């Protein structure tokens, strides 16, 4: 038996044969051309075909794993339509009189190098994306076939996988992903989690050709792959798999049960969602509301600013589906790791601390008011609340509420119905907001602590930087003390505080959160029943 260790990005235990993923080899041969105009036309035709293929992948992903994750392929389409990318290919063809394949490969290498050399972890991930879309164009130009598709149940082993390679696979045939490289924030890792397939990254040595076709077992809970496991290990893993499956069945019995501690303290248990397509999972797992509706999906999927009506229809759909249960819509939160080209935000050295979220909205009130009108109109169809992200000052709250009041007056004058008593809250995700939470509590109806950003700002550590991920202590006492400060200040002013970041689903911290007085937890829909069980077992 050979045991290799990696890092888990999706839990689960599975058994099967290893299939080392191989791509159709393709060598780009540099050739001299006679007509730059004809070659550019050839490139544009291949590019358009690639965009069409990506549209098909987008629809497949949307149906199988949801709108939010399907956005990967919308981003790829945007890359192929990027003016700088296209100009680079055309200029290389014209200046060097070389074939389109060579020009696309050179552009791909240049852009990938540019992304890789940035200090922004999100931008570093885009290096793999630009290579993926460029390979697609080169494949079309060279008349190559599709990447080999999995035809039988297998454990996929690879150096890394492009999102397009992952989504083209039949997920019924994939038992696990084990990658020698990759990162927990890569698109492939996100897709694996969305498809609920056990997955490991950083599993050094797993690409040994001798392993191809051999029996193996993957433990996605502790990040191990066992090649030709011995009987003792196999029995241990089978038992673990059975226990986990039994645990899932027991959790299902918690549907429709109240989320209360043994002492009778009620914790509101809500779900985080990215799109209306996530509603099925929210209802299936019996969430008591939606604690975080990431509204930026409407902007990420669009080539231009989404209209008021497009936004209204999306918000209304969610509100109606949830009935009288709360639906907390976070206003536009772009910038940092969520870039949208048509916003034309200037390049920043440190985008996580730059023009993002509420700062953009207040700088561009027309965009903000369009979204607020859509939210307020939808509030007539359910229990919608507004949540403002990345607040650092009382002034930002007051300016935002002034715009909300302006929109209310406009709707009133037009005779358009809305909830006149709609609640407005803020995300506490900056140290500044936590420190002045006593002042902020006088201005809003609730707090929701975004522990992801709060953690990176308190510890001065980029949470997407894989190089320091092991140092990122999410249980740091400084973070917990700030959470206590926020909770205490909110309760003094008679408002509630919840957690909508990753720590909301941290079972180990749950007793501490209950002790601190947290009123609400908002987690991924798939974690609802597990967290409900943990709350009911807590004092």
Protein backbone atom coordinates (compact mmCIF):
# COMPACT_ATOMS: atom_id res chain seq x y z
CA UNK A 1 0.00 0.00 0.00
CA UNK A 2 1.17 3.51 -0.83
CA UNK A 3 -0.24 6.44 1.15
CA UNK A 4 -0.02 9.98 -0.23
CA UNK A 5 -1.19 13.17 1.47
CA UNK A 6 -2.77 16.26 0.00
CA UNK A 7 -5.15 18.96 1.14
CA UNK A 8 -8.85 18.29 1.15
CA UNK A 9 -11.16 20.67 -0.71
CA UNK A 10 -14.23 18.43 -0.49
CA UNK A 11 -14.93 15.64 1.98
CA UNK A 12 -16.08 12.08 1.32
CA UNK A 13 -14.75 8.55 1.14
CA UNK A 14 -14.65 6.57 -2.09
CA UNK A 15 -13.07 3.49 -3.66
CA UNK A 16 -12.20 2.87 -7.30
CA UNK A 17 -9.53 2.64 -9.97
CA UNK A 18 -7.17 5.49 -10.76
CA UNK A 19 -7.34 7.14 -14.16
CA UNK A 20 -4.51 9.57 -14.83
CA UNK A 21 -6.06 12.36 -16.84
CA UNK A 22 -4.33 13.06 -20.13
CA UNK A 23 -5.00 15.75 -22.67
CA UNK A 24 -4.73 15.38 -26.41
CA UNK A 25 -1.18 16.49 -27.08
CA UNK A 26 -0.97 19.52 -29.30
CA UNK A 27 2.24 21.13 -30.57
CA UNK A 28 1.93 24.60 -32.02
CA UNK A 29 4.11 24.94 -35.07
CA UNK A 30 5.17 28.45 -36.04
CA UNK A 31 4.53 29.10 -39.72
CA UNK A 32 4.92 32.13 -41.98
CA UNK A 33 1.73 33.48 -43.56
CA UNK A 34 1.03 35.44 -46.71
CA UNK A 35 -1.99 37.47 -45.61
CA UNK A 36 -2.36 38.96 -42.14
CA UNK A 37 -5.94 39.95 -42.90
CA UNK A 38 -6.93 36.37 -43.76
CA UNK A 39 -5.16 34.98 -40.70
CA UNK A 40 -6.84 37.50 -38.40
CA UNK A 41 -10.16 36.44 -39.92
CA UNK A 42 -9.26 32.83 -39.19
CA UNK A 43 -8.49 33.74 -35.57
CA UNK A 44 -11.75 35.67 -35.13
CA UNK A 45 -13.74 32.75 -36.52
CA UNK A 46 -12.07 30.34 -34.08
CA UNK A 47 -12.58 32.78 -31.23
CA UNK A 48 -16.31 33.06 -32.01
CA UNK A 49 -16.57 29.27 -32.11
CA UNK A 50 -14.85 29.10 -28.72
CA UNK A 51 -17.32 31.63 -27.29
CA UNK A 52 -20.21 29.48 -28.59
CA UNK A 53 -18.70 26.38 -26.97
CA UNK A 54 -18.38 28.27 -23.68
CA UNK A 55 -22.04 29.28 -23.87
CA UNK A 56 -22.93 25.58 -24.08
CA UNK A 57 -20.69 24.81 -21.09
CA UNK A 58 -22.27 27.71 -19.18
CA UNK A 59 -25.76 26.25 -19.67
CA UNK A 60 -24.58 22.76 -18.70
CA UNK A 61 -22.94 24.10 -15.55
CA UNK A 62 -25.96 26.24 -14.68
CA UNK A 63 -28.26 23.23 -14.78
CA UNK A 64 -25.90 20.86 -12.97
CA UNK A 65 -24.26 23.02 -10.31
CA UNK A 66 -26.04 26.36 -10.24
CA UNK A 67 -25.76 29.87 -11.63
CA UNK A 68 -23.01 31.06 -9.32
CA UNK A 69 -20.48 28.42 -10.35
CA UNK A 70 -21.52 28.58 -14.01
CA UNK A 71 -20.17 32.14 -13.96
CA UNK A 72 -16.73 30.61 -14.50
CA UNK A 73 -17.63 30.14 -18.14
CA UNK A 74 -19.14 33.61 -18.44
CA UNK A 75 -15.78 34.94 -17.22
CA UNK A 76 -14.01 32.84 -19.85
CA UNK A 77 -16.23 34.33 -22.56
CA UNK A 78 -15.35 37.81 -21.31
CA UNK A 79 -11.65 36.95 -21.52
CA UNK A 80 -11.99 35.93 -25.16
CA UNK A 81 -13.86 39.14 -25.90
CA UNK A 82 -11.34 41.30 -24.02
CA UNK A 83 -10.01 44.09 -26.25
CA UNK A 84 -6.42 43.83 -25.00
CA UNK A 85 -6.34 40.07 -25.56
CA UNK A 86 -7.72 40.36 -29.10
CA UNK A 87 -5.45 43.28 -30.00
CA UNK A 88 -2.42 41.30 -28.83
CA UNK A 89 -3.25 38.35 -31.10
CA UNK A 90 -3.93 40.60 -34.08
CA UNK A 91 -0.77 42.65 -33.55
CA UNK A 92 1.44 39.55 -33.34
CA UNK A 93 -0.09 38.17 -36.53
CA UNK A 94 0.41 41.46 -38.37
CA UNK A 95 3.84 42.36 -37.03
CA UNK A 96 5.43 38.93 -37.28
CA UNK A 97 3.35 37.48 -40.14
CA UNK A 98 2.84 34.27 -38.20
CA UNK A 99 -0.07 31.85 -37.99
CA UNK A 100 -2.93 32.46 -35.56
CA UNK A 101 -2.00 29.45 -33.38
CA UNK A 102 1.41 30.97 -32.66
CA UNK A 103 -0.09 34.39 -31.93
CA UNK A 104 -2.70 32.94 -29.53
CA UNK A 105 -0.07 30.87 -27.73
CA UNK A 106 2.24 33.90 -27.35
CA UNK A 107 -0.62 36.04 -26.07
CA UNK A 108 -1.66 33.31 -23.66
CA UNK A 109 1.87 33.02 -22.26
CA UNK A 110 2.22 36.80 -21.92
CA UNK A 111 -1.11 37.26 -20.15
CA UNK A 112 -0.59 34.22 -17.91
CA UNK A 113 2.84 35.51 -16.90
CA UNK A 114 1.36 38.93 -16.17
CA UNK A 115 -1.34 37.41 -13.94
CA UNK A 116 1.11 35.06 -12.20
CA UNK A 117 3.48 37.88 -11.30
CA UNK A 118 0.85 39.94 -9.47
CA UNK A 119 0.63 39.80 -5.69
CA UNK A 120 -3.14 39.35 -5.82
CA UNK A 121 -4.04 35.66 -5.30
CA UNK A 122 -7.26 36.07 -7.28
CA UNK A 123 -5.39 37.47 -10.27
CA UNK A 124 -2.84 34.67 -10.02
CA UNK A 125 -5.70 32.18 -10.44
CA UNK A 126 -6.64 33.90 -13.70
CA UNK A 127 -3.39 32.65 -15.25
CA UNK A 128 -4.93 29.18 -15.48
CA UNK A 129 -8.12 30.64 -16.95
CA UNK A 130 -6.38 32.50 -19.77
CA UNK A 131 -4.45 29.34 -20.66
CA UNK A 132 -7.68 27.35 -20.67
CA UNK A 133 -9.51 29.68 -23.05
CA UNK A 134 -6.45 30.05 -25.28
CA UNK A 135 -6.04 26.28 -25.51
CA UNK A 136 -9.66 26.09 -26.63
CA UNK A 137 -9.02 28.57 -29.47
CA UNK A 138 -5.81 26.79 -30.51
CA UNK A 139 -7.63 23.47 -30.50
CA UNK A 140 -10.27 24.86 -32.86
CA UNK A 141 -7.64 26.46 -35.12
CA UNK A 142 -5.69 23.21 -35.38
CA UNK A 143 -8.77 21.06 -35.91
CA UNK A 144 -8.07 19.08 -32.74
CA UNK A 145 -10.61 16.86 -31.04
CA UNK A 146 -12.21 17.20 -27.64
CA UNK A 147 -10.34 16.33 -24.47
CA UNK A 148 -10.78 12.69 -23.52
CA UNK A 149 -14.04 12.21 -21.65
CA UNK A 150 -14.43 9.83 -18.71
CA UNK A 151 -16.49 6.80 -19.74
CA UNK A 152 -16.46 4.69 -16.58
CA UNK A 153 -16.46 5.30 -12.85
CA UNK A 154 -12.98 6.32 -11.82
CA UNK A 155 -10.77 8.38 -9.52
CA UNK A 156 -9.44 11.21 -11.67
CA UNK A 157 -5.78 12.03 -11.06
CA UNK A 158 -4.27 15.09 -12.74
CA UNK A 159 -1.73 17.86 -12.34
CA UNK A 160 -4.66 20.27 -12.26
CA UNK A 161 -7.89 20.55 -14.21
CA UNK A 162 -9.28 23.46 -16.17
CA UNK A 163 -12.90 24.29 -15.35
CA UNK A 164 -13.96 23.35 -18.88
CA UNK A 165 -12.36 19.92 -18.47
CA UNK A 166 -14.13 19.37 -15.17
CA UNK A 167 -17.60 20.35 -16.31
CA UNK A 168 -17.42 18.27 -19.50
CA UNK A 169 -17.02 15.12 -17.43
CA UNK A 170 -20.04 13.03 -16.48
CA UNK A 171 -20.15 13.58 -12.73
CA UNK A 172 -21.88 10.21 -12.31
CA UNK A 173 -18.62 8.63 -13.49
CA UNK A 174 -16.30 10.63 -11.22
CA UNK A 175 -15.58 9.07 -7.84
CA UNK A 176 -12.99 11.66 -6.75
CA UNK A 177 -10.52 14.27 -7.96
CA UNK A 178 -6.92 14.02 -6.80
CA UNK A 179 -4.65 16.78 -8.10
CA UNK A 180 -0.91 17.11 -7.74
CA UNK A 181 -1.20 20.90 -7.87
CA UNK A 182 -4.13 23.31 -7.67
CA UNK A 183 -5.42 25.53 -4.88
CA UNK A 184 -8.48 25.58 -2.65
CA UNK A 185 -9.67 28.79 -4.34
CA UNK A 186 -9.28 27.55 -7.90
CA UNK A 187 -12.34 27.19 -10.08
CA UNK A 188 -11.84 23.43 -10.22
CA UNK A 189 -11.89 23.16 -6.42
CA UNK A 190 -15.05 25.24 -6.33
CA UNK A 191 -16.67 23.03 -8.97
CA UNK A 192 -15.72 19.88 -7.05
CA UNK A 193 -17.37 21.23 -3.92
CA UNK A 194 -20.44 22.24 -5.90
CA UNK A 195 -20.72 18.73 -7.34
CA UNK A 196 -20.04 17.25 -3.88
CA UNK A 197 -17.22 15.06 -5.19
CA UNK A 198 -14.32 14.17 -2.84
CA UNK A 199 -11.30 16.17 -3.93
CA UNK A 200 -7.67 16.62 -2.90
CA UNK A 201 -5.13 19.17 -4.07
CA UNK A 202 -1.36 19.40 -3.62
CA UNK A 203 -0.99 15.60 -3.62
CA UNK A 204 2.67 15.31 -4.58
CA UNK A 205 3.75 12.14 -6.32
CA UNK A 206 0.29 11.02 -7.35
CA UNK A 207 0.99 11.43 -11.08
CA UNK A 208 3.29 8.39 -11.15
CA UNK A 209 2.35 6.54 -14.38
CA UNK A 210 2.60 3.24 -12.50
CA UNK A 211 -0.53 4.19 -10.52
CA UNK A 212 -2.73 4.36 -13.62
CA UNK A 213 -5.46 1.69 -13.42
CA UNK A 214 -4.61 0.64 -9.88
CA UNK A 215 -7.21 0.29 -7.13
CA UNK A 216 -7.26 3.16 -4.66
CA UNK A 217 -9.23 4.72 -1.85
CA UNK A 218 -9.65 8.46 -1.27
CA UNK A 219 -10.41 9.95 2.13
CA UNK A 220 -11.52 13.51 1.43
CA UNK A 221 -11.95 14.21 5.13
CA UNK A 222 -8.27 13.89 6.06
CA UNK A 223 -6.70 14.51 2.62
CA UNK A 224 -5.34 11.02 1.89
CA UNK A 225 -5.21 8.71 -1.10
CA UNK A 226 -4.27 5.07 -0.56
CA UNK A 227 -3.01 3.22 -3.64
CA UNK A 228 -3.81 -0.49 -3.37
CA UNK A 229 -4.97 -0.12 0.25
CA UNK A 230 -4.39 -3.06 2.58
CA UNK A 231 -7.31 -4.87 4.16
CA UNK A 232 -7.08 -3.02 7.48
CA UNK A 233 -7.11 0.41 5.81
CA UNK A 234 -9.94 -0.56 3.46
CA UNK A 235 -12.07 -1.75 6.38
CA UNK A 236 -11.35 1.43 8.33
CA UNK A 237 -12.41 3.60 5.38
CA UNK A 238 -15.55 1.52 4.67
CA UNK A 239 -16.59 1.97 8.29
CA UNK A 240 -15.91 5.71 8.08
CA UNK A 241 -17.97 5.97 4.90
CA UNK A 242 -20.89 4.12 6.51
CA UNK A 243 -20.75 6.34 9.59
CA UNK A 244 -20.80 9.50 7.48
CA UNK A 245 -23.74 8.23 5.40
CA UNK A 246 -25.64 7.30 8.55
CA UNK A 247 -24.92 10.75 9.95
CA UNK A 248 -26.42 12.35 6.82
CA UNK A 249 -29.57 10.25 7.18
CA UNK A 250 -29.92 11.25 10.83
CA UNK A 251 -29.53 14.91 9.91
CA UNK A 252 -32.50 14.65 7.54
CA UNK A 253 -34.68 13.90 10.57
CA UNK A 254 -33.93 17.41 11.83
CA UNK A 255 -35.97 19.01 9.06
CA UNK A 256 -38.81 21.12 10.46
CA UNK A 257 -37.25 21.00 13.93
CA UNK A 258 -36.54 24.28 15.77
CA UNK A 259 -32.94 25.48 16.04
CA UNK A 260 -32.74 25.83 19.82
CA UNK A 261 -30.11 25.00 22.40
CA UNK A 262 -30.72 22.60 25.28
CA UNK A 263 -31.49 25.62 27.45
CA UNK A 264 -34.12 26.79 24.99
CA UNK A 265 -32.20 29.65 23.37
CA UNK A 266 -33.32 30.21 19.77
CA UNK A 267 -30.70 30.71 17.07
CA UNK A 268 -31.98 31.86 13.68
CA UNK A 269 -30.43 29.58 11.07
CA UNK A 270 -30.33 31.11 7.59
CA UNK A 271 -28.68 30.22 4.27
CA UNK A 272 -26.15 32.03 2.06
CA UNK A 273 -27.02 32.03 -1.64
CA UNK A 274 -25.55 33.44 -4.84
CA UNK A 275 -28.49 33.16 -7.25
CA UNK A 276 -32.21 32.35 -7.35
CA UNK A 277 -31.19 28.91 -8.68
CA UNK A 278 -29.91 28.11 -5.19
CA UNK A 279 -33.44 28.25 -3.78
CA UNK A 280 -34.02 24.53 -4.26
CA UNK A 281 -31.18 23.69 -1.89
CA UNK A 282 -32.35 26.34 0.60
CA UNK A 283 -35.86 24.85 0.76
CA UNK A 284 -34.65 21.24 0.68
CA UNK A 285 -32.42 21.82 3.71
CA UNK A 286 -35.10 23.72 5.62
CA UNK A 287 -33.33 27.05 6.10
CA UNK A 288 -35.26 29.53 8.24
CA UNK A 289 -34.44 32.39 5.92
CA UNK A 290 -31.75 33.76 3.64
CA UNK A 291 -29.09 35.58 5.62
CA UNK A 292 -26.95 36.58 2.65
CA UNK A 293 -28.13 36.97 -0.93
CA UNK A 294 -25.06 37.98 -2.94
CA UNK A 295 -26.64 40.34 -5.45
CA UNK A 296 -23.48 40.80 -7.52
CA UNK A 297 -24.26 37.63 -9.50
CA UNK A 298 -26.57 39.75 -11.66
CA UNK A 299 -23.68 42.01 -12.56
CA UNK A 300 -21.14 39.21 -13.04
CA UNK A 301 -23.36 37.39 -15.54
CA UNK A 302 -24.11 40.50 -17.57
CA UNK A 303 -22.15 42.29 -20.29
CA UNK A 304 -23.53 45.60 -19.07
CA UNK A 305 -25.24 47.03 -16.02
CA UNK A 306 -28.37 44.93 -15.34
CA UNK A 307 -31.57 46.93 -15.61
CA UNK A 308 -33.81 47.72 -12.68
CA UNK A 309 -36.43 45.29 -13.99
CA UNK A 310 -33.95 42.42 -14.42
CA UNK A 311 -32.86 42.89 -10.80
CA UNK A 312 -36.43 43.30 -9.57
CA UNK A 313 -37.51 40.00 -11.14
CA UNK A 314 -34.61 38.11 -9.50
CA UNK A 315 -35.24 39.60 -6.06
CA UNK A 316 -38.99 39.10 -6.35
CA UNK A 317 -38.53 35.44 -7.28
CA UNK A 318 -36.52 34.78 -4.14
CA UNK A 319 -38.85 36.79 -1.90
CA UNK A 320 -41.95 34.96 -3.15
CA UNK A 321 -40.31 31.55 -2.80
CA UNK A 322 -39.37 32.26 0.84
CA UNK A 323 -42.81 33.58 1.81
CA UNK A 324 -42.66 35.34 5.16
CA UNK A 325 -39.13 34.13 5.91
CA UNK A 326 -36.41 36.83 5.90
CA UNK A 327 -34.44 37.47 2.71
CA UNK A 328 -31.41 39.67 3.40
CA UNK A 329 -30.07 41.14 0.16
CA UNK A 330 -26.52 42.40 0.31
CA UNK A 331 -26.15 45.37 -1.99
CA UNK A 332 -23.56 45.27 -4.76
CA UNK A 333 -20.23 43.96 -3.48
CA UNK A 334 -17.71 44.03 -6.31
CA UNK A 335 -14.07 44.98 -6.41
CA UNK A 336 -11.22 43.10 -4.70
CA UNK A 337 -11.58 39.50 -5.96
CA UNK A 338 -14.71 40.21 -8.02
CA UNK A 339 -13.78 42.21 -11.11
CA UNK A 340 -16.30 43.38 -13.69
CA UNK A 341 -14.84 44.94 -16.82
CA UNK A 342 -17.65 47.32 -17.70
CA UNK A 343 -17.32 49.09 -14.33
CA UNK A 344 -13.95 50.39 -15.57
CA UNK A 345 -12.38 50.37 -12.13
CA UNK A 346 -8.77 51.50 -12.26
CA UNK A 347 -6.05 48.95 -11.56
CA UNK A 348 -5.08 48.95 -7.89
CA UNK A 349 -2.01 47.68 -6.08
CA UNK A 350 -4.13 46.32 -3.25
CA UNK A 351 -7.72 45.89 -4.48
CA UNK A 352 -8.87 44.23 -1.23
CA UNK A 353 -8.40 47.64 0.38
CA UNK A 354 -9.37 49.73 -2.61
CA UNK A 355 -12.47 50.77 -4.50
CA UNK A 356 -15.03 48.11 -3.66
CA UNK A 357 -18.54 47.44 -2.35
CA UNK A 358 -20.22 50.44 -0.65
CA UNK A 359 -17.41 52.75 -1.79
CA UNK A 360 -18.30 52.13 -5.42
CA UNK A 361 -22.01 52.47 -4.72
CA UNK A 362 -21.61 55.84 -3.02
CA UNK A 363 -19.23 57.06 -5.74
CA UNK A 364 -21.76 56.01 -8.40
CA UNK A 365 -25.19 56.74 -6.90
CA UNK A 366 -27.05 56.15 -10.18
CA UNK A 367 -25.98 52.49 -10.20
CA UNK A 368 -26.75 52.19 -6.48
CA UNK A 369 -30.19 53.77 -6.74
CA UNK A 370 -31.14 51.46 -9.61
CA UNK A 371 -30.42 48.48 -7.39
CA UNK A 372 -32.19 50.02 -4.41
CA UNK A 373 -35.31 50.65 -6.51
CA UNK A 374 -35.32 46.99 -7.57
CA UNK A 375 -34.91 45.78 -3.99
CA UNK A 376 -37.58 48.10 -2.62
CA UNK A 377 -40.05 47.14 -5.35
CA UNK A 378 -39.43 43.45 -4.59
CA UNK A 379 -39.97 44.09 -0.88
CA UNK A 380 -43.71 44.28 -1.60
CA UNK A 381 -43.63 40.53 -2.36
CA UNK A 382 -41.89 39.15 0.73
CA UNK A 383 -39.84 39.82 3.84
CA UNK A 384 -36.83 41.51 2.25
CA UNK A 385 -34.13 43.35 4.19
CA UNK A 386 -31.24 45.47 2.86
CA UNK A 387 -27.65 44.87 3.97
CA UNK A 388 -24.78 47.26 3.19
CA UNK A 389 -21.28 45.73 2.79
CA UNK A 390 -17.80 46.98 3.75
CA UNK A 391 -18.97 49.74 6.07
CA UNK A 392 -16.21 51.63 7.90
CA UNK A 393 -17.99 54.77 9.13
CA UNK A 394 -21.27 56.27 10.31
CA UNK A 395 -21.09 58.66 7.37
CA UNK A 396 -21.29 55.78 4.86
CA UNK A 397 -24.43 54.48 6.57
CA UNK A 398 -26.06 57.91 6.66
CA UNK A 399 -25.28 58.60 2.99
CA UNK A 400 -26.66 55.18 2.03
CA UNK A 401 -29.84 55.70 4.02
CA UNK A 402 -30.29 59.11 2.39
CA UNK A 403 -30.24 57.41 -1.02
CA UNK A 404 -32.69 54.78 0.24
CA UNK A 405 -35.03 57.53 1.41
CA UNK A 406 -34.74 59.26 -1.97
CA UNK A 407 -35.73 56.05 -3.75
CA UNK A 408 -38.64 55.54 -1.34
CA UNK A 409 -39.92 59.03 -2.15
CA UNK A 410 -39.64 58.36 -5.90
CA UNK A 411 -41.61 55.11 -5.55
CA UNK A 412 -44.17 56.85 -3.36
CA UNK A 413 -44.68 59.61 -5.92
CA UNK A 414 -45.08 57.01 -8.68
CA UNK A 415 -47.56 54.95 -6.69
CA UNK A 416 -45.31 51.88 -6.71
CA UNK A 417 -45.78 49.64 -3.66
CA UNK A 418 -42.89 48.70 -1.35
CA UNK A 419 -42.37 47.81 2.29
CA UNK A 420 -42.23 51.18 4.04
CA UNK A 421 -40.72 49.64 7.18
CA UNK A 422 -38.02 47.63 5.40
CA UNK A 423 -35.10 46.91 7.71
CA UNK A 424 -31.60 48.11 6.85
CA UNK A 425 -28.52 46.44 8.28
CA UNK A 426 -24.80 46.42 7.68
CA UNK A 427 -22.02 43.90 7.38
CA UNK A 428 -19.36 44.17 10.06
CA UNK A 429 -16.29 43.04 8.13
CA UNK A 430 -13.75 45.75 8.90
CA UNK A 431 -12.00 46.38 12.23
CA UNK A 432 -13.23 49.98 12.01
CA UNK A 433 -16.87 48.90 11.92
CA UNK A 434 -16.35 46.54 14.85
CA UNK A 435 -14.66 49.20 16.98
CA UNK A 436 -17.41 51.80 16.38
CA UNK A 437 -20.25 49.26 16.41
CA UNK A 438 -21.83 51.15 19.33
CA UNK A 439 -22.24 54.19 17.07
CA UNK A 440 -23.33 52.15 14.04
CA UNK A 441 -25.94 50.28 16.09
CA UNK A 442 -27.82 53.56 16.52
CA UNK A 443 -28.25 53.86 12.75
CA UNK A 444 -29.31 50.36 11.61
CA UNK A 445 -31.67 47.48 12.38
CA UNK A 446 -29.17 44.61 12.49
CA UNK A 447 -25.55 43.56 12.10
CA UNK A 448 -24.16 40.61 10.15
CA UNK A 449 -20.51 39.82 10.75
CA UNK A 450 -18.61 38.88 7.58
CA UNK A 451 -15.88 36.83 9.19
CA UNK A 452 -14.01 36.12 5.94
CA UNK A 453 -12.97 39.71 5.35
CA UNK A 454 -12.87 40.59 9.04
CA UNK A 455 -10.32 37.82 9.60
CA UNK A 456 -8.00 38.95 6.82
CA UNK A 457 -8.17 42.59 7.84
CA UNK A 458 -7.63 41.90 11.55
CA UNK A 459 -4.72 39.54 10.93
CA UNK A 460 -3.32 41.46 7.92
CA UNK A 461 -3.31 38.23 5.90
CA UNK A 462 -4.71 37.77 2.41
CA UNK A 463 -7.16 34.87 2.81
CA UNK A 464 -6.69 33.90 -0.86
CA UNK A 465 -2.91 33.66 -0.64
CA UNK A 466 -2.19 29.93 -0.57
CA UNK A 467 1.36 30.62 0.56
CA UNK A 468 0.22 31.81 3.99
CA UNK A 469 -3.03 29.86 4.33
CA UNK A 470 -1.52 27.66 7.06
CA UNK A 471 -0.80 30.78 9.15
CA UNK A 472 -4.34 32.17 8.87
CA UNK A 473 -5.75 31.53 12.35
CA UNK A 474 -9.51 31.94 11.98
CA UNK A 475 -9.91 31.24 15.71
CA UNK A 476 -7.57 34.07 16.71
CA UNK A 477 -8.60 35.63 20.00
CA UNK A 478 -8.52 39.12 18.45
CA UNK A 479 -11.31 38.13 16.07
CA UNK A 480 -13.42 36.57 18.82
CA UNK A 481 -13.00 39.63 21.04
CA UNK A 482 -14.16 41.90 18.23
CA UNK A 483 -17.19 39.66 17.67
CA UNK A 484 -18.03 39.96 21.37
CA UNK A 485 -17.71 43.74 21.17
CA UNK A 486 -20.09 43.83 18.21
CA UNK A 487 -22.65 41.55 19.85
CA UNK A 488 -22.58 43.46 23.14
CA UNK A 489 -22.97 46.83 21.42
CA UNK A 490 -25.83 45.61 19.25
CA UNK A 491 -27.75 44.16 22.18
CA UNK A 492 -27.35 47.38 24.18
CA UNK A 493 -29.12 49.19 21.32
CA UNK A 494 -31.77 46.48 20.92
CA UNK A 495 -30.68 45.09 17.55
CA UNK A 496 -29.54 41.58 16.60
CA UNK A 497 -26.21 40.30 15.31
CA UNK A 498 -25.52 37.33 13.06
CA UNK A 499 -22.55 35.73 11.33
CA UNK A 500 -22.59 35.15 7.57
CA UNK A 501 -18.93 34.28 6.96
CA UNK A 502 -17.25 30.87 6.92
CA UNK A 503 -16.98 30.82 10.72
CA UNK A 504 -20.77 30.61 10.92
CA UNK A 505 -20.45 26.92 10.00
CA UNK A 506 -17.49 26.25 12.31
CA UNK A 507 -18.75 23.52 14.67
CA UNK A 508 -15.77 23.97 16.97
CA UNK A 509 -16.56 27.66 17.54
CA UNK A 510 -20.33 27.22 17.82
CA UNK A 511 -20.42 26.92 21.64
CA UNK A 512 -18.32 30.09 21.89
CA UNK A 513 -20.68 31.95 19.56
CA UNK A 514 -23.68 30.88 21.63
CA UNK A 515 -21.85 32.02 24.76
CA UNK A 516 -21.08 35.37 23.09
CA UNK A 517 -24.77 35.87 22.34
CA UNK A 518 -24.86 35.50 18.54
CA UNK A 519 -28.50 35.63 17.40
CA UNK A 520 -28.22 34.26 13.87
CA UNK A 521 -25.98 32.07 11.71
CA UNK A 522 -26.05 32.11 7.92
CA UNK A 523 -24.29 29.22 6.21
CA UNK A 524 -24.18 27.26 2.97
CA UNK A 525 -27.55 25.50 2.41
CA UNK A 526 -25.87 22.09 2.59
CA UNK A 527 -24.66 22.82 6.16
CA UNK A 528 -28.04 23.85 7.59
CA UNK A 529 -29.08 20.51 9.11
CA UNK A 530 -25.59 19.79 10.45
CA UNK A 531 -25.47 23.17 12.21
CA UNK A 532 -29.02 22.70 13.51
CA UNK A 533 -27.96 19.41 15.07
CA UNK A 534 -24.93 21.04 16.69
CA UNK A 535 -27.03 23.92 18.09
CA UNK A 536 -29.56 21.49 19.56
CA UNK A 537 -26.74 19.64 21.30
CA UNK A 538 -25.28 22.84 22.77
CA UNK A 539 -26.05 24.34 26.16
